[in-house]
Every structure is written in structure tokens, then in C-alpha cells.
Amino acid sequence: MPAIALLAAVFAVVTEQLVQWKYGTLGIVGLLLLTVGVKARNTTCSSLGALVLALMVTGPAL
């Protein structure tokens, strides 16, 4: 069980660093909103986070 928790923590840190490297501070804010919204079961917060991340990903394509 501790190995799974360690792998989950490493995955979370790596994902956060990749998002920050590629999308900057706004990407981290979107990821934070999405994570907090899912954990708190707050659909407004998670929807805003997903929207921010979607706009960051599709921004150059527009």
C-alpha cells in the first residue's frame, strides 16, 4: 500500500511540473481548480479548472 501512495505522489508532482513547464502559472491554477473541485465534489470549481486547462491546450490552435 505505501508503494501505491508513493507512486501516486510522484505522478502528481511530475504532472504538476509538466503542466507548469508547458502552460505556465495559469496551467497550474487550472490544474489546482480541477483537483480541488473533484476532491470537494464541487462541480463549479472543477468545471472552471477544466475550462482553464481546455483553453490553455486549444489556445494556440485558435
C-alpha atoms as a PDB file:
ATOM      1  CA  MET A   1       0.000   0.000   0.000  1.00  0.00           C
ATOM      2  CA  PRO A   2       2.766   2.570   0.735  1.00  0.00           C
ATOM      3  CA  ALA A   3       4.269   1.879  -2.698  1.00  0.00           C
ATOM      4  CA  ILE A   4       0.982   2.827  -4.387  1.00  0.00           C
ATOM      5  CA  ALA A   5       0.770   6.033  -2.370  1.00  0.00           C
ATOM      6  CA  LEU A   6       4.362   6.874  -3.248  1.00  0.00           C
ATOM      7  CA  LEU A   7       3.737   6.256  -6.950  1.00  0.00           C
ATOM      8  CA  ALA A   8       0.595   8.424  -6.830  1.00  0.00           C
ATOM      9  CA  ALA A   9       2.528  11.246  -5.172  1.00  0.00           C
ATOM     10  CA  VAL A  10       5.345  11.027  -7.719  1.00  0.00           C
ATOM     11  CA  PHE A  11       2.825  11.024 -10.566  1.00  0.00           C
ATOM     12  CA  ALA A  12       1.093  14.106  -9.119  1.00  0.00           C
ATOM     13  CA  VAL A  13       4.358  16.021  -8.771  1.00  0.00           C
ATOM     14  CA  VAL A  14       5.538  15.082 -12.267  1.00  0.00           C
ATOM     15  CA  THR A  15       2.182  16.062 -13.773  1.00  0.00           C
ATOM     16  CA  GLU A  16       2.232  19.394 -11.951  1.00  0.00           C
ATOM     17  CA  GLN A  17       5.761  20.153 -13.142  1.00  0.00           C
ATOM     18  CA  LEU A  18       4.934  19.255 -16.747  1.00  0.00           C
ATOM     19  CA  VAL A  19       1.838  21.456 -16.733  1.00  0.00           C
ATOM     20  CA  GLN A  20       3.770  24.340 -15.221  1.00  0.00           C
ATOM     21  CA  TRP A  21       6.612  23.930 -17.715  1.00  0.00           C
ATOM     22  CA  LYS A  22       4.318  23.782 -20.731  1.00  0.00           C
ATOM     23  CA  TYR A  23       1.435  26.088 -19.746  1.00  0.00           C
ATOM     24  CA  GLY A  24       2.877  28.316 -17.032  1.00  0.00           C
ATOM     25  CA  THR A  25       1.157  29.651 -13.965  1.00  0.00           C
ATOM     26  CA  LEU A  26      -2.323  29.678 -15.489  1.00  0.00           C
ATOM     27  CA  GLY A  27      -1.989  25.959 -16.200  1.00  0.00           C
ATOM     28  CA  ILE A  28      -1.168  25.305 -12.553  1.00  0.00           C
ATOM     29  CA  VAL A  29      -4.185  27.372 -11.482  1.00  0.00           C
ATOM     30  CA  GLY A  30      -6.415  25.336 -13.790  1.00  0.00           C
ATOM     31  CA  LEU A  31      -4.989  22.060 -12.507  1.00  0.00           C
ATOM     32  CA  LEU A  32      -5.415  23.227  -8.916  1.00  0.00           C
ATOM     33  CA  LEU A  33      -9.038  24.255  -9.509  1.00  0.00           C
ATOM     34  CA  LEU A  34      -9.782  20.940 -11.174  1.00  0.00           C
ATOM     35  CA  THR A  35      -8.160  18.919  -8.396  1.00  0.00           C
ATOM     36  CA  VAL A  36      -9.819  20.846  -5.567  1.00  0.00           C
ATOM     37  CA  GLY A  37     -13.181  20.700  -7.321  1.00  0.00           C
ATOM     38  CA  VAL A  38     -13.029  16.947  -7.794  1.00  0.00           C
ATOM     39  CA  LYS A  39     -11.891  16.279  -4.226  1.00  0.00           C
ATOM     40  CA  ALA A  40     -14.506  18.627  -2.746  1.00  0.00           C
ATOM     41  CA  ARG A  41     -17.193  17.408  -5.180  1.00  0.00           C
ATOM     42  CA  ASN A  42     -17.742  20.993  -6.248  1.00  0.00           C
ATOM     43  CA  THR A  43     -18.856  20.974  -9.870  1.00  0.00           C
ATOM     44  CA  THR A  44     -18.368  24.719 -10.326  1.00  0.00           C
ATOM     45  CA  CYS A  45     -14.746  24.629  -9.234  1.00  0.00           C
ATOM     46  CA  SER A  46     -13.920  21.520 -11.246  1.00  0.00           C
ATOM     47  CA  SER A  47     -15.682  22.913 -14.317  1.00  0.00           C
ATOM     48  CA  LEU A  48     -13.695  26.138 -14.102  1.00  0.00           C
ATOM     49  CA  GLY A  49     -10.458  24.177 -13.791  1.00  0.00           C
ATOM     50  CA  ALA A  50     -11.338  22.000 -16.767  1.00  0.00           C
ATOM     51  CA  LEU A  51     -12.282  25.086 -18.777  1.00  0.00           C
ATOM     52  CA  VAL A  52      -8.992  26.823 -17.980  1.00  0.00           C
ATOM     53  CA  LEU A  53      -6.996  23.741 -18.963  1.00  0.00           C
ATOM     54  CA  ALA A  54      -9.018  23.275 -22.154  1.00  0.00           C
ATOM     55  CA  LEU A  55      -8.428  26.896 -23.135  1.00  0.00           C
ATOM     56  CA  MET A  56      -4.722  26.556 -22.413  1.00  0.00           C
ATOM     57  CA  VAL A  57      -4.453  23.436 -24.586  1.00  0.00           C
ATOM     58  CA  THR A  58      -6.525  24.760 -27.502  1.00  0.00           C
ATOM     59  CA  GLY A  59      -5.311  28.370 -27.245  1.00  0.00           C
ATOM     60  CA  PRO A  60      -2.588  28.116 -29.922  1.00  0.00           C
ATOM     61  CA  ALA A  61      -4.993  26.319 -32.271  1.00  0.00           C
ATOM     62  CA  LEU A  62      -7.463  29.194 -32.195  1.00  0.00           C
END
